[in-house]
């Protein structure tokens, strides 16, 4: 293989999975396997191996051969068909490994008095800002962002015990502008309405437990359709909670049940933000 001027070195192979879905190739990070290929250079020499890295700016590709050795070569030494494959591999790998994600929870506080029980109830509007950073030299379009926000709302039963109901807010947003090369994009989830309520007090002290809420985290799924028609899917989770289940629909609890059924929301003045 001296015709490609390889400098032999050891390396680790980047991996991706191919799954057939609705006639398209879908690449996901959930299960991974290497894609073996027979490569040919301009002189007609061929070998079998795996692409492990591609620098689109310098047009240098790293390939690991079946003997375990990894070498680098200029893209131009390969056949036209291999060059197309390597460029597509580079774009796919950049999407699967070169986009960073940062979720930031935002909350807006309001205060009201629950006239039925005489306790102070604090209402919050909560959502996430989802920041995406493209660290690669590729621009991505035809993207969609989906999310599941997991939360719990505590309520007091007749005995004063706090019981939590678990809810999910699902949303789906097309990213029409995509993400430019070395660019950033920030999107927002819809708002969930939650509250905390202090225990009822008497001359003997607090007689009930505090009813509170818990925003457990967010699970984001980013999908991009590449120019060759392949679909790539990335999952980002703010927690590794094994009890989370991806559900493409909302399961509202607490005040959000009223919002979902389009009942008039409680009007409360905004006093501060956190």
Protein backbone atom coordinates (compact mmCIF):
# COMPACT_ATOMS: atom_id res chain seq x y z
CA UNK A 1 0.00 0.00 0.00
CA UNK A 2 2.94 2.36 -0.52
CA UNK A 3 1.01 3.93 -3.42
CA UNK A 4 -1.08 5.88 -0.95
CA UNK A 5 1.88 6.96 1.18
CA UNK A 6 0.51 5.65 4.42
CA UNK A 7 2.16 6.40 7.72
CA UNK A 8 1.24 3.39 9.82
CA UNK A 9 0.01 4.06 13.35
CA UNK A 10 -2.42 2.58 15.81
CA UNK A 11 -5.89 4.03 16.22
CA UNK A 12 -9.42 3.39 17.40
CA UNK A 13 -12.25 3.06 14.88
CA UNK A 14 -15.23 5.39 15.08
CA UNK A 15 -18.43 3.40 14.78
CA UNK A 16 -21.98 3.86 13.51
CA UNK A 17 -25.00 1.67 13.02
CA UNK A 18 -27.14 1.14 9.94
CA UNK A 19 -30.82 0.30 10.43
CA UNK A 20 -33.43 0.08 7.70
CA UNK A 21 -36.46 2.25 8.37
CA UNK A 22 -39.04 3.13 5.73
CA UNK A 23 -36.54 2.42 2.97
CA UNK A 24 -33.91 4.82 4.35
CA UNK A 25 -30.58 4.28 6.10
CA UNK A 26 -30.88 5.52 9.65
CA UNK A 27 -27.76 6.07 11.73
CA UNK A 28 -28.09 6.11 15.49
CA UNK A 29 -25.67 6.12 18.41
CA UNK A 30 -27.76 3.68 20.46
CA UNK A 31 -26.24 0.58 18.83
CA UNK A 32 -23.04 0.73 16.81
CA UNK A 33 -21.14 -1.45 14.36
CA UNK A 34 -18.28 -0.81 11.95
CA UNK A 35 -18.93 -0.46 8.23
CA UNK A 36 -16.39 -2.58 6.34
CA UNK A 37 -15.55 -1.51 2.79
CA UNK A 38 -13.19 -2.45 -0.04
CA UNK A 39 -11.24 0.67 -1.04
CA UNK A 40 -9.37 1.23 -4.30
CA UNK A 41 -6.69 3.77 -5.20
CA UNK A 42 -6.03 5.41 -8.59
CA UNK A 43 -3.53 2.67 -9.50
CA UNK A 44 -6.11 -0.09 -9.07
CA UNK A 45 -4.77 -1.43 -5.78
CA UNK A 46 -7.52 -2.42 -3.34
CA UNK A 47 -7.83 -3.39 0.30
CA UNK A 48 -10.55 -3.85 2.91
CA UNK A 49 -10.87 -1.64 5.94
CA UNK A 50 -12.82 0.90 7.99
CA UNK A 51 -12.75 4.69 7.90
CA UNK A 52 -11.77 5.96 11.36
CA UNK A 53 -11.46 9.73 10.74
CA UNK A 54 -11.74 12.31 7.99
CA UNK A 55 -10.50 15.91 7.99
CA UNK A 56 -12.72 17.73 5.50
CA UNK A 57 -10.56 20.86 5.45
CA UNK A 58 -7.27 19.09 4.78
CA UNK A 59 -9.00 16.25 2.88
CA UNK A 60 -7.03 13.61 4.77
CA UNK A 61 -8.63 10.27 5.63
CA UNK A 62 -7.60 7.68 8.22
CA UNK A 63 -8.47 4.05 7.51
CA UNK A 64 -7.91 1.00 9.70
CA UNK A 65 -7.07 -2.12 7.73
CA UNK A 66 -8.10 -5.65 8.69
CA UNK A 67 -4.61 -6.27 10.10
CA UNK A 68 -5.38 -3.64 12.76
CA UNK A 69 -3.02 -0.94 11.44
CA UNK A 70 -4.30 2.57 10.76
CA UNK A 71 -2.85 4.91 8.15
CA UNK A 72 -3.53 8.33 6.63
CA UNK A 73 -3.80 9.31 2.99
CA UNK A 74 -4.98 12.21 0.85
CA UNK A 75 -8.54 11.86 -0.36
CA UNK A 76 -7.40 12.39 -3.97
CA UNK A 77 -5.58 9.04 -4.16
CA UNK A 78 -8.84 7.10 -3.89
CA UNK A 79 -11.35 6.26 -6.62
CA UNK A 80 -14.21 8.66 -7.29
CA UNK A 81 -16.66 6.25 -5.69
CA UNK A 82 -14.50 5.93 -2.57
CA UNK A 83 -14.09 9.71 -2.34
CA UNK A 84 -17.88 10.10 -2.34
CA UNK A 85 -18.20 7.44 0.35
CA UNK A 86 -15.50 9.08 2.52
CA UNK A 87 -17.06 12.56 2.26
CA UNK A 88 -20.46 11.14 3.24
CA UNK A 89 -18.83 9.24 6.12
CA UNK A 90 -17.21 12.48 7.30
CA UNK A 91 -20.50 14.36 7.33
CA UNK A 92 -22.28 11.54 9.14
CA UNK A 93 -19.51 11.20 11.71
CA UNK A 94 -19.49 14.96 12.27
CA UNK A 95 -23.20 14.95 13.05
CA UNK A 96 -22.95 11.92 15.34
CA UNK A 97 -19.91 13.18 17.27
CA UNK A 98 -19.39 16.88 16.58
CA UNK A 99 -22.53 18.56 17.96
CA UNK A 100 -22.55 19.61 21.61
CA UNK A 101 -25.73 20.09 23.63
CA UNK A 102 -26.35 22.19 26.76
CA UNK A 103 -29.79 22.30 28.44
CA UNK A 104 -30.58 25.21 30.77
CA UNK A 105 -33.71 25.19 32.89
CA UNK A 106 -35.57 28.50 33.20
CA UNK A 107 -38.32 29.29 35.69
CA UNK A 108 -40.62 32.23 36.24
CA UNK A 109 -42.25 32.55 39.64
CA UNK A 110 -45.71 33.82 40.62
CA UNK A 111 -47.37 33.84 44.04
CA UNK A 112 -51.04 33.36 44.96
CA UNK A 113 -52.99 32.48 48.07
CA UNK A 114 -55.08 29.33 48.00
CA UNK A 115 -58.25 30.62 49.59
CA UNK A 116 -59.68 27.12 50.15
CA UNK A 117 -57.05 25.99 52.62
CA UNK A 118 -55.42 29.32 53.46
CA UNK A 119 -51.93 28.17 52.47
CA UNK A 120 -49.45 30.04 50.34
CA UNK A 121 -49.11 28.41 46.93
CA UNK A 122 -46.20 29.41 44.67
CA UNK A 123 -46.73 28.87 40.95
CA UNK A 124 -43.90 28.47 38.46
CA UNK A 125 -43.67 28.50 34.68
CA UNK A 126 -40.74 26.24 33.77
CA UNK A 127 -39.07 25.53 30.43
CA UNK A 128 -35.68 24.60 28.99
CA UNK A 129 -33.36 26.48 26.70
CA UNK A 130 -31.64 23.94 24.45
CA UNK A 131 -28.31 25.16 23.10
CA UNK A 132 -26.68 23.31 20.20
CA UNK A 133 -23.10 23.94 19.07
CA UNK A 134 -21.71 22.57 15.81
CA UNK A 135 -17.97 22.07 16.30
CA UNK A 136 -17.41 20.75 12.76
CA UNK A 137 -16.76 22.19 9.31
CA UNK A 138 -20.07 20.82 7.99
CA UNK A 139 -23.35 22.74 7.83
CA UNK A 140 -26.49 20.72 8.58
CA UNK A 141 -30.00 21.42 7.28
CA UNK A 142 -33.27 19.46 7.21
CA UNK A 143 -33.13 19.03 10.97
CA UNK A 144 -35.79 18.30 13.58
CA UNK A 145 -35.52 18.60 17.35
CA UNK A 146 -37.82 16.61 19.64
CA UNK A 147 -37.80 16.69 23.42
CA UNK A 148 -39.34 15.09 26.49
CA UNK A 149 -39.29 17.10 29.73
CA UNK A 150 -39.83 14.85 32.75
CA UNK A 151 -41.34 16.33 35.89
CA UNK A 152 -43.30 15.40 39.02
CA UNK A 153 -46.03 17.34 40.82
CA UNK A 154 -46.70 16.74 44.49
CA UNK A 155 -50.19 17.10 45.97
CA UNK A 156 -51.45 16.51 49.50
CA UNK A 157 -54.09 13.88 50.15
CA UNK A 158 -56.78 14.28 52.80
CA UNK A 159 -54.37 13.04 55.46
CA UNK A 160 -51.72 15.59 54.54
CA UNK A 161 -49.39 13.09 52.89
CA UNK A 162 -47.65 14.23 49.70
CA UNK A 163 -48.23 12.10 46.61
CA UNK A 164 -46.29 12.70 43.38
CA UNK A 165 -47.73 12.32 39.90
CA UNK A 166 -45.20 11.90 37.10
CA UNK A 167 -45.65 13.93 33.91
CA UNK A 168 -43.99 14.29 30.51
CA UNK A 169 -44.03 17.27 28.17
CA UNK A 170 -43.30 16.30 24.56
CA UNK A 171 -42.53 18.77 21.79
CA UNK A 172 -41.30 18.75 18.21
CA UNK A 173 -39.59 21.65 16.41
CA UNK A 174 -38.30 21.75 12.82
CA UNK A 175 -35.00 23.65 12.65
CA UNK A 176 -35.52 25.32 9.30
CA UNK A 177 -32.25 27.25 9.35
CA UNK A 178 -30.29 24.21 10.52
CA UNK A 179 -26.87 24.70 12.11
CA UNK A 180 -24.07 26.39 10.21
CA UNK A 181 -20.52 25.07 10.20
CA UNK A 182 -18.95 26.06 13.55
CA UNK A 183 -22.32 27.63 14.37
CA UNK A 184 -24.75 27.65 17.27
CA UNK A 185 -28.50 27.48 17.67
CA UNK A 186 -30.76 27.80 20.72
CA UNK A 187 -34.34 26.60 20.95
CA UNK A 188 -36.88 26.63 23.77
CA UNK A 189 -39.28 23.99 24.98
CA UNK A 190 -42.89 24.76 25.76
CA UNK A 191 -43.73 25.79 29.33
CA UNK A 192 -44.89 23.45 32.05
CA UNK A 193 -46.88 24.86 34.97
CA UNK A 194 -45.93 23.58 38.41
CA UNK A 195 -46.39 24.73 42.00
CA UNK A 196 -45.23 24.27 45.56
CA UNK A 197 -47.55 24.62 48.55
CA UNK A 198 -46.48 24.95 52.14
CA UNK A 199 -47.99 22.84 54.89
CA UNK A 200 -50.95 24.24 56.77
CA UNK A 201 -50.03 25.86 60.05
CA UNK A 202 -51.87 25.96 63.38
CA UNK A 203 -50.95 27.09 66.86
CA UNK A 204 -49.31 23.67 67.23
CA UNK A 205 -47.10 24.17 64.16
CA UNK A 206 -47.19 22.78 60.62
CA UNK A 207 -49.69 19.94 60.33
CA UNK A 208 -49.15 18.97 56.66
CA UNK A 209 -46.14 18.11 54.56
CA UNK A 210 -44.99 20.59 51.92
CA UNK A 211 -46.34 19.78 48.46
CA UNK A 212 -43.61 20.53 45.93
CA UNK A 213 -42.65 19.87 42.31
CA UNK A 214 -39.60 18.27 40.73
CA UNK A 215 -38.30 18.92 37.22
CA UNK A 216 -36.33 15.74 36.67
CA UNK A 217 -34.66 16.64 33.36
CA UNK A 218 -34.92 16.66 29.60
CA UNK A 219 -34.27 14.13 26.84
CA UNK A 220 -33.58 15.65 23.41
CA UNK A 221 -33.61 13.80 20.08
CA UNK A 222 -31.97 15.55 17.13
CA UNK A 223 -32.58 14.24 13.60
CA UNK A 224 -30.90 15.35 10.39
CA UNK A 225 -31.43 14.22 6.80
CA UNK A 226 -28.13 14.26 4.93
CA UNK A 227 -27.83 15.26 1.25
CA UNK A 228 -27.60 11.59 0.21
CA UNK A 229 -30.94 10.83 1.88
CA UNK A 230 -29.56 9.14 4.99
CA UNK A 231 -31.20 10.00 8.30
CA UNK A 232 -29.02 10.47 11.40
CA UNK A 233 -30.42 10.48 14.92
CA UNK A 234 -28.70 11.77 18.07
CA UNK A 235 -30.02 11.50 21.62
CA UNK A 236 -28.96 13.89 24.41
CA UNK A 237 -30.04 13.30 28.01
CA UNK A 238 -29.54 15.57 31.01
CA UNK A 239 -29.71 12.49 33.25
CA UNK A 240 -29.06 8.78 32.91
CA UNK A 241 -32.26 8.00 34.81
CA UNK A 242 -33.11 4.44 33.77
CA UNK A 243 -36.80 5.00 34.51
CA UNK A 244 -37.16 7.52 31.69
CA UNK A 245 -38.99 6.23 28.63
CA UNK A 246 -39.00 8.14 25.35
CA UNK A 247 -42.65 8.89 24.49
CA UNK A 248 -43.62 11.01 21.44
CA UNK A 249 -46.61 12.49 23.27
CA UNK A 250 -47.28 14.52 26.39
CA UNK A 251 -48.60 13.09 29.64
CA UNK A 252 -49.75 16.16 31.59
CA UNK A 253 -50.23 16.19 35.35
CA UNK A 254 -51.14 18.87 37.88
CA UNK A 255 -51.90 22.30 36.47
CA UNK A 256 -50.91 21.14 32.98
CA UNK A 257 -54.02 18.98 32.73
CA UNK A 258 -56.07 22.17 32.74
CA UNK A 259 -53.75 23.77 30.18
CA UNK A 260 -53.99 20.75 27.87
CA UNK A 261 -57.79 20.76 27.99
CA UNK A 262 -57.69 24.50 27.24
CA UNK A 263 -59.31 25.60 30.50
CA UNK A 264 -58.64 29.25 31.42
CA UNK A 265 -55.34 29.44 33.36
CA UNK A 266 -55.21 30.94 36.82
CA UNK A 267 -54.29 34.61 36.55
CA UNK A 268 -51.49 35.48 38.94
CA UNK A 269 -49.09 38.43 39.01
CA UNK A 270 -45.45 37.83 38.16
CA UNK A 271 -43.29 38.91 41.07
CA UNK A 272 -39.82 37.57 40.28
CA UNK A 273 -37.85 35.21 38.10
CA UNK A 274 -35.31 32.56 38.95
